[in-house]
Amino acid sequence: MAHERKSYTVLIGYPAGGGHWTEAGDKLELLDVEALALEQAGRIQLTSQVEAEQAAAKASTKSTAKGAE
C-alpha cells in the first residue's frame, strides 16, 4: 500500500530539524503520520482548507462592502 503525501501550510513556524525552522506560509508535503502532532498543535493545516477559508473570507469582505454602499 502506497502512502500519499498531502500538502500542508505552516500556520506557526516550528523547528524542522538540523537547525532549520519553518515559517508561517511555507508549504510542505507530509505523510499523515508526520502531520498528526503538528496539526493537533495548530502549527499546520491542509493547504486546501487554508485556501477555502481565505476564499470565504474574501467573499465575505466583498459582500459586506457592497452592503455598506
C-alpha atoms as a PDB file:
ATOM      1  CA  MET A   1       0.000   0.000   0.000  1.00  0.00           C
ATOM      2  CA  ALA A   2       1.456   3.334  -1.073  1.00  0.00           C
ATOM      3  CA  HIS A   3       1.227   6.212   1.360  1.00  0.00           C
ATOM      4  CA  GLU A   4       0.282   9.551  -0.112  1.00  0.00           C
ATOM      5  CA  ARG A   5       1.700  12.870   0.975  1.00  0.00           C
ATOM      6  CA  LYS A   6      -0.652  15.797   1.402  1.00  0.00           C
ATOM      7  CA  SER A   7       0.041  19.491   1.033  1.00  0.00           C
ATOM      8  CA  TYR A   8       0.051  21.454   4.290  1.00  0.00           C
ATOM      9  CA  THR A   9       0.547  25.153   5.019  1.00  0.00           C
ATOM     10  CA  VAL A  10       2.528  26.224   8.079  1.00  0.00           C
ATOM     11  CA  LEU A  11       0.468  28.466  10.373  1.00  0.00           C
ATOM     12  CA  ILE A  12       3.053  28.798  13.162  1.00  0.00           C
ATOM     13  CA  GLY A  13       6.754  28.163  12.493  1.00  0.00           C
ATOM     14  CA  TYR A  14       8.413  25.204  14.190  1.00  0.00           C
ATOM     15  CA  PRO A  15      11.866  23.559  14.232  1.00  0.00           C
ATOM     16  CA  ALA A  16      12.187  21.295  11.196  1.00  0.00           C
ATOM     17  CA  GLY A  17      15.454  19.695  12.300  1.00  0.00           C
ATOM     18  CA  GLY A  18      19.096  20.253  11.529  1.00  0.00           C
ATOM     19  CA  GLY A  19      18.907  23.795  12.903  1.00  0.00           C
ATOM     20  CA  HIS A  20      16.274  24.786  10.335  1.00  0.00           C
ATOM     21  CA  TRP A  21      12.884  26.306  11.090  1.00  0.00           C
ATOM     22  CA  THR A  22       9.725  26.501   9.042  1.00  0.00           C
ATOM     23  CA  GLU A  23       7.990  29.847   8.664  1.00  0.00           C
ATOM     24  CA  ALA A  24       4.309  30.751   8.531  1.00  0.00           C
ATOM     25  CA  GLY A  25       3.095  30.391   4.954  1.00  0.00           C
ATOM     26  CA  ASP A  26       5.574  27.652   4.000  1.00  0.00           C
ATOM     27  CA  LYS A  27       4.057  24.785   2.016  1.00  0.00           C
ATOM     28  CA  LEU A  28       5.041  21.230   2.972  1.00  0.00           C
ATOM     29  CA  GLU A  29       4.293  17.760   1.629  1.00  0.00           C
ATOM     30  CA  LEU A  30       3.819  15.412   4.595  1.00  0.00           C
ATOM     31  CA  LEU A  31       2.505  11.948   5.341  1.00  0.00           C
ATOM     32  CA  ASP A  32      -0.455  11.748   7.727  1.00  0.00           C
ATOM     33  CA  VAL A  33       1.770  10.304  10.446  1.00  0.00           C
ATOM     34  CA  GLU A  34       4.243  13.198  10.035  1.00  0.00           C
ATOM     35  CA  ALA A  35       1.479  15.806  10.167  1.00  0.00           C
ATOM     36  CA  LEU A  36      -0.605  14.448  13.056  1.00  0.00           C
ATOM     37  CA  ALA A  37       1.084  16.119  16.044  1.00  0.00           C
ATOM     38  CA  LEU A  38       1.753  19.360  14.144  1.00  0.00           C
ATOM     39  CA  GLU A  39      -1.890  19.558  13.101  1.00  0.00           C
ATOM     40  CA  GLN A  40      -3.101  18.871  16.650  1.00  0.00           C
ATOM     41  CA  ALA A  41      -0.793  21.615  17.953  1.00  0.00           C
ATOM     42  CA  GLY A  42      -2.258  24.090  15.442  1.00  0.00           C
ATOM     43  CA  ARG A  43       1.047  24.593  13.648  1.00  0.00           C
ATOM     44  CA  ILE A  44      -0.074  23.322  10.215  1.00  0.00           C
ATOM     45  CA  GLN A  45      -3.310  22.931   8.273  1.00  0.00           C
ATOM     46  CA  LEU A  46      -4.182  21.263   4.989  1.00  0.00           C
ATOM     47  CA  THR A  47      -3.475  23.764   2.218  1.00  0.00           C
ATOM     48  CA  SER A  48      -6.890  23.112   0.664  1.00  0.00           C
ATOM     49  CA  GLN A  49      -8.574  24.152   3.937  1.00  0.00           C
ATOM     50  CA  VAL A  50      -6.445  27.287   4.243  1.00  0.00           C
ATOM     51  CA  GLU A  51      -7.302  28.311   0.666  1.00  0.00           C
ATOM     52  CA  ALA A  52     -11.027  27.625   1.201  1.00  0.00           C
ATOM     53  CA  GLU A  53     -11.027  29.769   4.370  1.00  0.00           C
ATOM     54  CA  GLN A  54      -9.212  32.588   2.562  1.00  0.00           C
ATOM     55  CA  ALA A  55     -11.705  32.457  -0.331  1.00  0.00           C
ATOM     56  CA  ALA A  56     -14.649  32.524   2.098  1.00  0.00           C
ATOM     57  CA  ALA A  57     -13.163  35.478   3.990  1.00  0.00           C
ATOM     58  CA  LYS A  58     -12.584  37.337   0.722  1.00  0.00           C
ATOM     59  CA  ALA A  59     -16.170  36.684  -0.422  1.00  0.00           C
ATOM     60  CA  SER A  60     -17.491  37.805   2.964  1.00  0.00           C
ATOM     61  CA  THR A  61     -15.485  41.033   2.774  1.00  0.00           C
ATOM     62  CA  LYS A  62     -16.864  41.758  -0.714  1.00  0.00           C
ATOM     63  CA  SER A  63     -20.492  41.166   0.340  1.00  0.00           C
ATOM     64  CA  THR A  64     -20.039  43.318   3.454  1.00  0.00           C
ATOM     65  CA  ALA A  65     -18.529  46.134   1.403  1.00  0.00           C
ATOM     66  CA  LYS A  66     -21.421  46.003  -1.107  1.00  0.00           C
ATOM     67  CA  GLY A  67     -23.966  46.075   1.709  1.00  0.00           C
ATOM     68  CA  ALA A  68     -22.392  49.246   3.117  1.00  0.00           C
ATOM     69  CA  GLU A  69     -22.844  51.137  -0.174  1.00  0.00           C
END
